[in-house]
Amino acid sequence: MIAISGFPPLPQRFLAGSAAALAAVLFWAILTIWVPDHWTFGFAEAGVLGLGAAWAIYFTLRPYSLSGSLVLIPLAGTVVVGLVQLVTARTVNRWETWNAVLKWSVYLTAFFLASQICSPAFVRRAFRHALLYFGFGISVVAVLQFFTSPGKIFWLFQSEYPEGALGPFVSRDH
């Protein structure tokens, strides 16, 4: 991590609220991964970009100490390559390139937010516990669902695949 000093640390309430919002977006994306339509991932994208916008506004009004990671460089490079392709008209399909730029921008924003939000140990620990409990809950539901209602998601929705659905995951490859 690379820390930018000279500013005070982030307030704990802001970090806790941001961690809860990021966890909610992540849980939404996982719970709706089985839906073939794009609207579910669109909500996740909007959530990540909205949280990123909230952070940008907050830091504009009240600058605080930030930390960074070298992993942000290749993620940002991927977005820049897509934008350069669009600007120079060196893309086969502009629509798909715009979608890829959007998707990679969301990944970049999510990684940046996660690295900022989870930099304090107390937030990182709570976030990991939330992920652990969520994953455990999904695994229990997945096993119960697999044996009691094959081919259905959460006992309610018929999957595209007649068998092999485990929780929200319709394919064993997921």
N, C-alpha and C. Protein backbone atom coordinates (compact mmCIF):
# COMPACT_ATOMS: atom_id res chain seq x y z
N MET A 1 0.84 -1.18 0.00
CA MET A 1 0.00 0.00 0.00
C MET A 1 0.88 1.25 0.00
N ILE A 2 0.45 2.22 -0.72
CA ILE A 2 1.13 3.50 -0.77
C ILE A 2 0.22 4.51 -0.10
N ALA A 3 0.70 5.13 0.98
CA ALA A 3 -0.13 6.06 1.73
C ALA A 3 0.22 7.49 1.37
N ILE A 4 -0.80 8.31 1.25
CA ILE A 4 -0.62 9.74 1.02
C ILE A 4 -0.90 10.41 2.36
N SER A 5 0.14 10.97 2.95
CA SER A 5 -0.03 11.52 4.29
C SER A 5 -0.24 13.03 4.23
N GLY A 6 -0.40 13.62 5.39
CA GLY A 6 -0.63 15.05 5.47
C GLY A 6 -2.07 15.38 5.71
N PHE A 7 -2.95 14.41 5.64
CA PHE A 7 -4.37 14.60 5.88
C PHE A 7 -4.79 13.70 7.04
N PRO A 8 -5.88 14.05 7.71
CA PRO A 8 -6.35 13.20 8.81
C PRO A 8 -6.92 11.88 8.28
N PRO A 9 -7.02 10.85 9.14
CA PRO A 9 -7.62 9.59 8.69
C PRO A 9 -9.12 9.74 8.49
N LEU A 10 -9.70 8.79 7.79
CA LEU A 10 -11.14 8.81 7.52
C LEU A 10 -11.95 8.59 8.79
N PRO A 11 -13.12 9.23 8.90
CA PRO A 11 -13.99 8.98 10.05
C PRO A 11 -14.53 7.55 10.02
N GLN A 12 -14.69 6.95 11.20
CA GLN A 12 -15.12 5.56 11.30
C GLN A 12 -16.55 5.36 10.79
N ARG A 13 -17.44 6.31 11.02
CA ARG A 13 -18.82 6.16 10.55
C ARG A 13 -18.89 6.11 9.04
N PHE A 14 -18.10 6.95 8.38
CA PHE A 14 -18.09 6.96 6.92
C PHE A 14 -17.55 5.64 6.38
N LEU A 15 -16.50 5.12 7.01
CA LEU A 15 -15.94 3.84 6.58
C LEU A 15 -16.93 2.70 6.80
N ALA A 16 -17.59 2.69 7.94
CA ALA A 16 -18.55 1.62 8.24
C ALA A 16 -19.73 1.66 7.28
N GLY A 17 -20.25 2.84 7.00
CA GLY A 17 -21.35 2.96 6.05
C GLY A 17 -20.94 2.55 4.65
N SER A 18 -19.75 2.94 4.26
CA SER A 18 -19.25 2.56 2.93
C SER A 18 -19.03 1.05 2.84
N ALA A 19 -18.52 0.45 3.91
CA ALA A 19 -18.31 -1.00 3.92
C ALA A 19 -19.65 -1.74 3.80
N ALA A 20 -20.65 -1.25 4.51
CA ALA A 20 -21.98 -1.88 4.44
C ALA A 20 -22.56 -1.73 3.04
N ALA A 21 -22.40 -0.58 2.42
CA ALA A 21 -22.92 -0.37 1.07
C ALA A 21 -22.19 -1.25 0.06
N LEU A 22 -20.87 -1.35 0.17
CA LEU A 22 -20.10 -2.19 -0.74
C LEU A 22 -20.47 -3.66 -0.56
N ALA A 23 -20.65 -4.09 0.68
CA ALA A 23 -21.05 -5.48 0.94
C ALA A 23 -22.44 -5.74 0.37
N ALA A 24 -23.36 -4.80 0.50
CA ALA A 24 -24.71 -4.98 -0.05
C ALA A 24 -24.66 -5.13 -1.56
N VAL A 25 -23.85 -4.33 -2.23
CA VAL A 25 -23.73 -4.43 -3.69
C VAL A 25 -23.12 -5.78 -4.07
N LEU A 26 -22.10 -6.20 -3.35
CA LEU A 26 -21.48 -7.49 -3.63
C LEU A 26 -22.46 -8.64 -3.41
N PHE A 27 -23.21 -8.60 -2.31
CA PHE A 27 -24.17 -9.65 -2.03
C PHE A 27 -25.28 -9.67 -3.09
N TRP A 28 -25.72 -8.50 -3.52
CA TRP A 28 -26.73 -8.41 -4.58
C TRP A 28 -26.21 -9.08 -5.86
N ALA A 29 -24.98 -8.77 -6.23
CA ALA A 29 -24.41 -9.33 -7.46
C ALA A 29 -24.34 -10.85 -7.38
N ILE A 30 -24.00 -11.38 -6.22
CA ILE A 30 -23.90 -12.83 -6.07
C ILE A 30 -25.28 -13.47 -6.06
N LEU A 31 -26.21 -12.88 -5.34
CA LEU A 31 -27.54 -13.47 -5.23
C LEU A 31 -28.33 -13.44 -6.54
N THR A 32 -27.99 -12.53 -7.43
CA THR A 32 -28.72 -12.42 -8.70
C THR A 32 -27.88 -12.85 -9.90
N ILE A 33 -26.81 -13.58 -9.66
CA ILE A 33 -25.95 -14.00 -10.76
C ILE A 33 -26.66 -14.97 -11.70
N TRP A 34 -27.70 -15.60 -11.24
CA TRP A 34 -28.43 -16.58 -12.05
C TRP A 34 -29.35 -15.94 -13.07
N VAL A 35 -29.67 -14.67 -12.93
CA VAL A 35 -30.59 -14.00 -13.85
C VAL A 35 -29.84 -13.73 -15.16
N PRO A 36 -30.38 -14.22 -16.30
CA PRO A 36 -29.65 -14.04 -17.56
C PRO A 36 -29.68 -12.60 -18.09
N ASP A 37 -30.61 -11.79 -17.63
CA ASP A 37 -30.71 -10.42 -18.12
C ASP A 37 -29.62 -9.56 -17.48
N HIS A 38 -29.32 -8.44 -18.16
CA HIS A 38 -28.24 -7.57 -17.70
C HIS A 38 -28.66 -6.63 -16.56
N TRP A 39 -29.95 -6.47 -16.33
CA TRP A 39 -30.41 -5.46 -15.38
C TRP A 39 -29.89 -5.71 -13.95
N THR A 40 -29.69 -6.98 -13.58
CA THR A 40 -29.21 -7.23 -12.22
C THR A 40 -27.77 -6.75 -12.05
N PHE A 41 -26.94 -7.01 -13.06
CA PHE A 41 -25.57 -6.50 -12.98
C PHE A 41 -25.56 -4.99 -13.15
N GLY A 42 -26.53 -4.45 -13.87
CA GLY A 42 -26.65 -2.99 -13.99
C GLY A 42 -26.88 -2.33 -12.64
N PHE A 43 -27.69 -2.96 -11.79
CA PHE A 43 -27.87 -2.44 -10.43
C PHE A 43 -26.56 -2.47 -9.65
N ALA A 44 -25.81 -3.55 -9.80
CA ALA A 44 -24.52 -3.64 -9.11
C ALA A 44 -23.55 -2.57 -9.64
N GLU A 45 -23.53 -2.39 -10.96
CA GLU A 45 -22.69 -1.34 -11.54
C GLU A 45 -23.08 0.03 -11.01
N ALA A 46 -24.38 0.29 -10.98
CA ALA A 46 -24.86 1.58 -10.48
C ALA A 46 -24.50 1.76 -9.01
N GLY A 47 -24.58 0.69 -8.24
CA GLY A 47 -24.23 0.77 -6.82
C GLY A 47 -22.76 1.09 -6.61
N VAL A 48 -21.89 0.43 -7.36
CA VAL A 48 -20.45 0.68 -7.23
C VAL A 48 -20.11 2.10 -7.69
N LEU A 49 -20.64 2.49 -8.86
CA LEU A 49 -20.33 3.83 -9.36
C LEU A 49 -20.97 4.91 -8.49
N GLY A 50 -22.15 4.64 -7.92
CA GLY A 50 -22.77 5.59 -7.00
C GLY A 50 -21.95 5.75 -5.73
N LEU A 51 -21.46 4.63 -5.20
CA LEU A 51 -20.60 4.71 -4.02
C LEU A 51 -19.29 5.44 -4.34
N GLY A 52 -18.76 5.19 -5.54
CA GLY A 52 -17.57 5.92 -5.97
C GLY A 52 -17.82 7.41 -6.09
N ALA A 53 -19.00 7.78 -6.60
CA ALA A 53 -19.35 9.20 -6.70
C ALA A 53 -19.51 9.82 -5.31
N ALA A 54 -20.10 9.07 -4.38
CA ALA A 54 -20.24 9.57 -3.01
C ALA A 54 -18.87 9.80 -2.38
N TRP A 55 -17.95 8.88 -2.63
CA TRP A 55 -16.59 9.07 -2.12
C TRP A 55 -15.92 10.28 -2.76
N ALA A 56 -16.11 10.46 -4.06
CA ALA A 56 -15.50 11.61 -4.74
C ALA A 56 -16.04 12.93 -4.18
N ILE A 57 -17.34 12.99 -3.96
CA ILE A 57 -17.94 14.21 -3.39
C ILE A 57 -17.43 14.43 -1.97
N TYR A 58 -17.39 13.37 -1.18
CA TYR A 58 -16.94 13.47 0.20
C TYR A 58 -15.49 13.97 0.27
N PHE A 59 -14.63 13.41 -0.60
CA PHE A 59 -13.22 13.82 -0.58
C PHE A 59 -13.02 15.20 -1.17
N THR A 60 -13.91 15.64 -2.03
CA THR A 60 -13.82 17.00 -2.55
C THR A 60 -14.12 18.00 -1.44
N LEU A 61 -15.11 17.68 -0.62
CA LEU A 61 -15.50 18.58 0.46
C LEU A 61 -14.59 18.48 1.67
N ARG A 62 -14.11 17.28 1.98
CA ARG A 62 -13.28 17.04 3.16
C ARG A 62 -12.13 16.11 2.79
N PRO A 63 -10.99 16.63 2.39
CA PRO A 63 -9.89 15.75 2.02
C PRO A 63 -9.35 14.96 3.21
N TYR A 64 -9.10 13.69 2.98
CA TYR A 64 -8.55 12.81 3.99
C TYR A 64 -7.40 12.03 3.39
N SER A 65 -6.71 11.33 4.24
CA SER A 65 -5.57 10.52 3.82
C SER A 65 -6.05 9.32 3.02
N LEU A 66 -5.43 9.09 1.88
CA LEU A 66 -5.76 7.95 1.03
C LEU A 66 -4.58 6.99 0.98
N SER A 67 -4.86 5.76 0.66
CA SER A 67 -3.80 4.79 0.40
C SER A 67 -4.07 4.17 -0.96
N GLY A 68 -3.03 3.75 -1.62
CA GLY A 68 -3.19 3.20 -2.96
C GLY A 68 -2.49 1.87 -3.10
N SER A 69 -2.70 1.24 -4.23
CA SER A 69 -2.09 -0.04 -4.52
C SER A 69 -1.58 -0.03 -5.95
N LEU A 70 -0.50 -0.74 -6.18
CA LEU A 70 0.05 -0.81 -7.53
C LEU A 70 -0.86 -1.60 -8.47
N VAL A 71 -1.78 -2.38 -7.93
CA VAL A 71 -2.71 -3.14 -8.76
C VAL A 71 -3.66 -2.20 -9.50
N LEU A 72 -3.83 -0.99 -8.99
CA LEU A 72 -4.69 -0.02 -9.68
C LEU A 72 -4.15 0.36 -11.06
N ILE A 73 -2.85 0.26 -11.25
CA ILE A 73 -2.23 0.67 -12.52
C ILE A 73 -2.72 -0.19 -13.69
N PRO A 74 -2.61 -1.54 -13.63
CA PRO A 74 -3.12 -2.30 -14.77
C PRO A 74 -4.64 -2.20 -14.94
N LEU A 75 -5.37 -2.07 -13.83
CA LEU A 75 -6.82 -1.90 -13.96
C LEU A 75 -7.15 -0.59 -14.67
N ALA A 76 -6.47 0.48 -14.29
CA ALA A 76 -6.68 1.76 -14.96
C ALA A 76 -6.19 1.69 -16.41
N GLY A 77 -5.12 0.96 -16.64
CA GLY A 77 -4.61 0.81 -18.00
C GLY A 77 -5.61 0.13 -18.92
N THR A 78 -6.35 -0.82 -18.39
CA THR A 78 -7.37 -1.50 -19.19
C THR A 78 -8.46 -0.52 -19.61
N VAL A 79 -8.86 0.35 -18.71
CA VAL A 79 -9.87 1.36 -19.04
C VAL A 79 -9.31 2.33 -20.08
N VAL A 80 -8.06 2.73 -19.90
CA VAL A 80 -7.44 3.69 -20.82
C VAL A 80 -7.30 3.09 -22.22
N VAL A 81 -6.93 1.82 -22.31
CA VAL A 81 -6.81 1.17 -23.62
C VAL A 81 -8.15 1.19 -24.35
N GLY A 82 -9.22 0.87 -23.64
CA GLY A 82 -10.55 0.91 -24.26
C GLY A 82 -10.92 2.31 -24.71
N LEU A 83 -10.63 3.31 -23.90
CA LEU A 83 -10.93 4.69 -24.28
C LEU A 83 -10.10 5.14 -25.47
N VAL A 84 -8.84 4.72 -25.52
CA VAL A 84 -7.99 5.06 -26.67
C VAL A 84 -8.55 4.41 -27.94
N GLN A 85 -9.01 3.17 -27.84
CA GLN A 85 -9.62 2.52 -29.00
C GLN A 85 -10.84 3.29 -29.48
N LEU A 86 -11.63 3.79 -28.56
CA LEU A 86 -12.82 4.55 -28.96
C LEU A 86 -12.46 5.89 -29.58
N VAL A 87 -11.49 6.58 -29.00
CA VAL A 87 -11.11 7.90 -29.50
C VAL A 87 -10.47 7.80 -30.88
N THR A 88 -9.64 6.79 -31.08
CA THR A 88 -8.94 6.64 -32.36
C THR A 88 -9.74 5.83 -33.38
N ALA A 89 -10.95 5.41 -33.02
CA ALA A 89 -11.82 4.62 -33.90
C ALA A 89 -11.14 3.33 -34.35
N ARG A 90 -10.41 2.69 -33.46
CA ARG A 90 -9.72 1.43 -33.73
C ARG A 90 -10.42 0.26 -33.04
N THR A 91 -11.72 0.25 -33.11
CA THR A 91 -12.49 -0.82 -32.50
C THR A 91 -13.40 -1.45 -33.53
N VAL A 92 -13.63 -2.73 -33.40
CA VAL A 92 -14.50 -3.43 -34.33
C VAL A 92 -15.96 -3.09 -34.06
N ASN A 93 -16.31 -3.04 -32.78
CA ASN A 93 -17.69 -2.79 -32.40
C ASN A 93 -17.70 -1.75 -31.27
N ARG A 94 -18.10 -0.52 -31.60
CA ARG A 94 -18.06 0.56 -30.60
C ARG A 94 -18.93 0.24 -29.39
N TRP A 95 -20.09 -0.36 -29.61
CA TRP A 95 -20.99 -0.67 -28.51
C TRP A 95 -20.34 -1.63 -27.51
N GLU A 96 -19.74 -2.68 -28.02
CA GLU A 96 -19.09 -3.65 -27.14
C GLU A 96 -17.87 -3.04 -26.43
N THR A 97 -17.17 -2.17 -27.12
CA THR A 97 -16.03 -1.51 -26.49
C THR A 97 -16.49 -0.58 -25.38
N TRP A 98 -17.58 0.16 -25.61
CA TRP A 98 -18.13 1.01 -24.55
C TRP A 98 -18.57 0.17 -23.35
N ASN A 99 -19.21 -0.96 -23.62
CA ASN A 99 -19.63 -1.84 -22.52
C ASN A 99 -18.43 -2.39 -21.75
N ALA A 100 -17.36 -2.73 -22.47
CA ALA A 100 -16.15 -3.23 -21.80
C ALA A 100 -15.50 -2.12 -20.97
N VAL A 101 -15.47 -0.91 -21.50
CA VAL A 101 -14.91 0.22 -20.73
C VAL A 101 -15.73 0.45 -19.47
N LEU A 102 -17.05 0.40 -19.59
CA LEU A 102 -17.91 0.56 -18.41
C LEU A 102 -17.64 -0.53 -17.39
N LYS A 103 -17.59 -1.78 -17.86
CA LYS A 103 -17.37 -2.89 -16.94
C LYS A 103 -16.03 -2.78 -16.22
N TRP A 104 -14.97 -2.46 -16.96
CA TRP A 104 -13.66 -2.34 -16.34
C TRP A 104 -13.57 -1.10 -15.45
N SER A 105 -14.32 -0.06 -15.77
CA SER A 105 -14.38 1.11 -14.88
C SER A 105 -15.04 0.74 -13.56
N VAL A 106 -16.06 -0.09 -13.63
CA VAL A 106 -16.72 -0.57 -12.40
C VAL A 106 -15.74 -1.41 -11.59
N TYR A 107 -15.00 -2.31 -12.25
CA TYR A 107 -14.01 -3.13 -11.54
C TYR A 107 -12.94 -2.26 -10.89
N LEU A 108 -12.47 -1.26 -11.62
CA LEU A 108 -11.46 -0.34 -11.07
C LEU A 108 -12.02 0.41 -9.87
N THR A 109 -13.22 0.92 -9.98
CA THR A 109 -13.84 1.65 -8.87
C THR A 109 -14.06 0.74 -7.67
N ALA A 110 -14.53 -0.48 -7.92
CA ALA A 110 -14.77 -1.42 -6.82
C ALA A 110 -13.46 -1.77 -6.11
N PHE A 111 -12.40 -1.99 -6.88
CA PHE A 111 -11.12 -2.31 -6.25
C PHE A 111 -10.59 -1.13 -5.46
N PHE A 112 -10.68 0.07 -6.03
CA PHE A 112 -10.23 1.25 -5.30
C PHE A 112 -11.01 1.44 -4.01
N LEU A 113 -12.34 1.32 -4.10
CA LEU A 113 -13.17 1.48 -2.90
C LEU A 113 -12.85 0.42 -1.86
N ALA A 114 -12.71 -0.82 -2.29
CA ALA A 114 -12.39 -1.89 -1.34
C ALA A 114 -11.04 -1.66 -0.68
N SER A 115 -10.07 -1.18 -1.44
CA SER A 115 -8.75 -0.92 -0.85
C SER A 115 -8.79 0.24 0.13
N GLN A 116 -9.63 1.24 -0.12
CA GLN A 116 -9.75 2.36 0.80
C GLN A 116 -10.58 1.98 2.03
N ILE A 117 -11.70 1.34 1.79
CA ILE A 117 -12.62 1.01 2.87
C ILE A 117 -11.98 0.01 3.84
N CYS A 118 -11.28 -0.97 3.31
CA CYS A 118 -10.72 -2.03 4.14
C CYS A 118 -9.30 -1.76 4.61
N SER A 119 -8.83 -0.55 4.48
CA SER A 119 -7.47 -0.25 4.95
C SER A 119 -7.37 -0.29 6.48
N PRO A 120 -8.34 0.21 7.25
CA PRO A 120 -8.25 0.02 8.71
C PRO A 120 -8.56 -1.42 9.10
N ALA A 121 -7.84 -1.93 10.08
CA ALA A 121 -7.97 -3.34 10.48
C ALA A 121 -9.38 -3.67 10.97
N PHE A 122 -10.03 -2.77 11.69
CA PHE A 122 -11.35 -3.09 12.24
C PHE A 122 -12.39 -3.24 11.12
N VAL A 123 -12.28 -2.44 10.07
CA VAL A 123 -13.22 -2.56 8.95
C VAL A 123 -12.91 -3.82 8.14
N ARG A 124 -11.63 -4.07 7.91
CA ARG A 124 -11.23 -5.25 7.15
C ARG A 124 -11.71 -6.52 7.84
N ARG A 125 -11.56 -6.57 9.16
CA ARG A 125 -12.00 -7.74 9.92
C ARG A 125 -13.52 -7.92 9.83
N ALA A 126 -14.27 -6.84 10.00
CA ALA A 126 -15.73 -6.92 9.93
C ALA A 126 -16.19 -7.30 8.52
N PHE A 127 -15.53 -6.76 7.50
CA PHE A 127 -15.89 -7.07 6.12
C PHE A 127 -15.63 -8.54 5.82
N ARG A 128 -14.49 -9.05 6.28
CA ARG A 128 -14.18 -10.47 6.07
C ARG A 128 -15.18 -11.37 6.79
N HIS A 129 -15.57 -10.98 8.00
CA HIS A 129 -16.57 -11.76 8.72
C HIS A 129 -17.91 -11.75 7.98
N ALA A 130 -18.30 -10.60 7.46
CA ALA A 130 -19.55 -10.52 6.71
C ALA A 130 -19.49 -11.42 5.48
N LEU A 131 -18.37 -11.41 4.76
CA LEU A 131 -18.21 -12.28 3.60
C LEU A 131 -18.23 -13.75 4.01
N LEU A 132 -17.59 -14.06 5.12
CA LEU A 132 -17.57 -15.44 5.60
C LEU A 132 -18.96 -15.94 5.94
N TYR A 133 -19.72 -15.16 6.69
CA TYR A 133 -21.06 -15.57 7.08
C TYR A 133 -21.99 -15.64 5.87
N PHE A 134 -21.86 -14.71 4.97
CA PHE A 134 -22.67 -14.73 3.75
C PHE A 134 -22.35 -15.98 2.92
N GLY A 135 -21.07 -16.24 2.73
CA GLY A 135 -20.67 -17.43 1.97
C GLY A 135 -21.13 -18.72 2.63
N PHE A 136 -21.05 -18.78 3.96
CA PHE A 136 -21.53 -19.96 4.67
C PHE A 136 -23.04 -20.13 4.49
N GLY A 137 -23.78 -19.04 4.60
CA GLY A 137 -25.22 -19.10 4.40
C GLY A 137 -25.59 -19.56 3.00
N ILE A 138 -24.90 -19.02 2.00
CA ILE A 138 -25.16 -19.43 0.62
C ILE A 138 -24.83 -20.91 0.43
N SER A 139 -23.75 -21.38 1.03
CA SER A 139 -23.39 -22.79 0.85
C SER A 139 -24.42 -23.72 1.49
N VAL A 140 -24.95 -23.36 2.66
CA VAL A 140 -25.98 -24.18 3.30
C VAL A 140 -27.25 -24.19 2.45
N VAL A 141 -27.66 -23.02 2.01
CA VAL A 141 -28.85 -22.92 1.15
C VAL A 141 -28.64 -23.69 -0.14
N ALA A 142 -27.46 -23.61 -0.72
CA ALA A 142 -27.18 -24.29 -1.99
C ALA A 142 -27.30 -25.80 -1.84
N VAL A 143 -26.75 -26.35 -0.77
CA VAL A 143 -26.81 -27.80 -0.58
C VAL A 143 -28.26 -28.24 -0.32
N LEU A 144 -28.96 -27.52 0.52
CA LEU A 144 -30.36 -27.86 0.79
C LEU A 144 -31.20 -27.77 -0.48
N GLN A 145 -30.99 -26.72 -1.22
CA GLN A 145 -31.75 -26.53 -2.46
C GLN A 145 -31.42 -27.61 -3.48
N PHE A 146 -30.16 -27.99 -3.58
CA PHE A 146 -29.73 -29.00 -4.54
C PHE A 146 -30.46 -30.33 -4.32
N PHE A 147 -30.64 -30.70 -3.06
CA PHE A 147 -31.26 -31.99 -2.76
C PHE A 147 -32.78 -31.92 -2.64
N THR A 148 -33.34 -30.76 -2.38
CA THR A 148 -34.79 -30.68 -2.20
C THR A 148 -35.53 -30.13 -3.41
N SER A 149 -34.85 -29.35 -4.24
CA SER A 149 -35.53 -28.74 -5.37
C SER A 149 -34.56 -28.60 -6.54
N PRO A 150 -34.20 -29.74 -7.19
CA PRO A 150 -33.22 -29.66 -8.27
C PRO A 150 -33.71 -28.83 -9.45
N GLY A 151 -32.80 -28.04 -9.97
CA GLY A 151 -33.11 -27.22 -11.14
C GLY A 151 -33.79 -25.91 -10.82
N LYS A 152 -34.02 -25.62 -9.56
CA LYS A 152 -34.66 -24.36 -9.18
C LYS A 152 -33.68 -23.51 -8.37
N ILE A 153 -33.87 -22.21 -8.50
CA ILE A 153 -33.06 -21.26 -7.75
C ILE A 153 -33.88 -20.80 -6.55
N PHE A 154 -33.35 -20.98 -5.37
CA PHE A 154 -34.02 -20.59 -4.12
C PHE A 154 -35.43 -21.19 -4.03
N TRP A 155 -35.60 -22.37 -4.53
CA TRP A 155 -36.86 -23.12 -4.48
C TRP A 155 -38.01 -22.44 -5.24
N LEU A 156 -37.76 -21.32 -5.90
CA LEU A 156 -38.82 -20.55 -6.53
C LEU A 156 -38.71 -20.45 -8.04
N PHE A 157 -37.52 -20.20 -8.54
CA PHE A 157 -37.33 -19.86 -9.94
C PHE A 157 -36.70 -21.03 -10.69
N GLN A 158 -37.31 -21.39 -11.82
CA GLN A 158 -36.78 -22.47 -12.63
C GLN A 158 -35.50 -22.01 -13.33
N SER A 159 -34.49 -22.81 -13.27
CA SER A 159 -33.20 -22.49 -13.88
C SER A 159 -33.21 -22.87 -15.35
N GLU A 160 -32.29 -22.30 -16.10
CA GLU A 160 -32.11 -22.68 -17.50
C GLU A 160 -31.64 -24.12 -17.62
N TYR A 161 -30.94 -24.58 -16.59
CA TYR A 161 -30.40 -25.93 -16.58
C TYR A 161 -31.29 -26.81 -15.71
N PRO A 162 -31.66 -27.99 -16.18
CA PRO A 162 -32.58 -28.82 -15.41
C PRO A 162 -31.98 -29.35 -14.11
N GLU A 163 -30.70 -29.49 -14.03
CA GLU A 163 -30.10 -29.97 -12.79
C GLU A 163 -28.74 -29.31 -12.60
N GLY A 164 -28.25 -29.35 -11.38
CA GLY A 164 -26.92 -28.83 -11.10
C GLY A 164 -26.89 -27.43 -10.54
N ALA A 165 -28.05 -26.80 -10.34
CA ALA A 165 -28.05 -25.45 -9.75
C ALA A 165 -27.73 -25.55 -8.27
N LEU A 166 -26.79 -24.75 -7.83
CA LEU A 166 -26.39 -24.69 -6.42
C LEU A 166 -26.58 -23.27 -5.93
N GLY A 167 -27.64 -23.03 -5.19
CA GLY A 167 -27.93 -21.67 -4.73
C GLY A 167 -28.17 -20.78 -5.94
N PRO A 168 -27.53 -19.63 -6.00
CA PRO A 168 -27.73 -18.74 -7.15
C PRO A 168 -26.87 -19.12 -8.36
N PHE A 169 -26.05 -20.15 -8.22
CA PHE A 169 -25.14 -20.53 -9.29
C PHE A 169 -25.77 -21.62 -10.14
N VAL A 170 -26.07 -21.31 -11.40
CA VAL A 170 -26.79 -22.24 -12.27
C VAL A 170 -25.87 -23.25 -12.93
N SER A 171 -24.60 -23.03 -12.88
CA SER A 171 -23.66 -23.93 -13.51
C SER A 171 -22.60 -24.34 -12.51
N ARG A 172 -22.16 -25.56 -12.60
CA ARG A 172 -21.10 -26.02 -11.68
C ARG A 172 -19.80 -25.29 -11.93
N ASP A 173 -19.65 -24.68 -13.09
CA ASP A 173 -18.44 -23.94 -13.41
C ASP A 173 -18.32 -22.65 -12.60
N HIS A 174 -19.43 -22.16 -12.08
CA HIS A 174 -19.41 -20.93 -11.30
C HIS A 174 -19.05 -21.21 -9.87
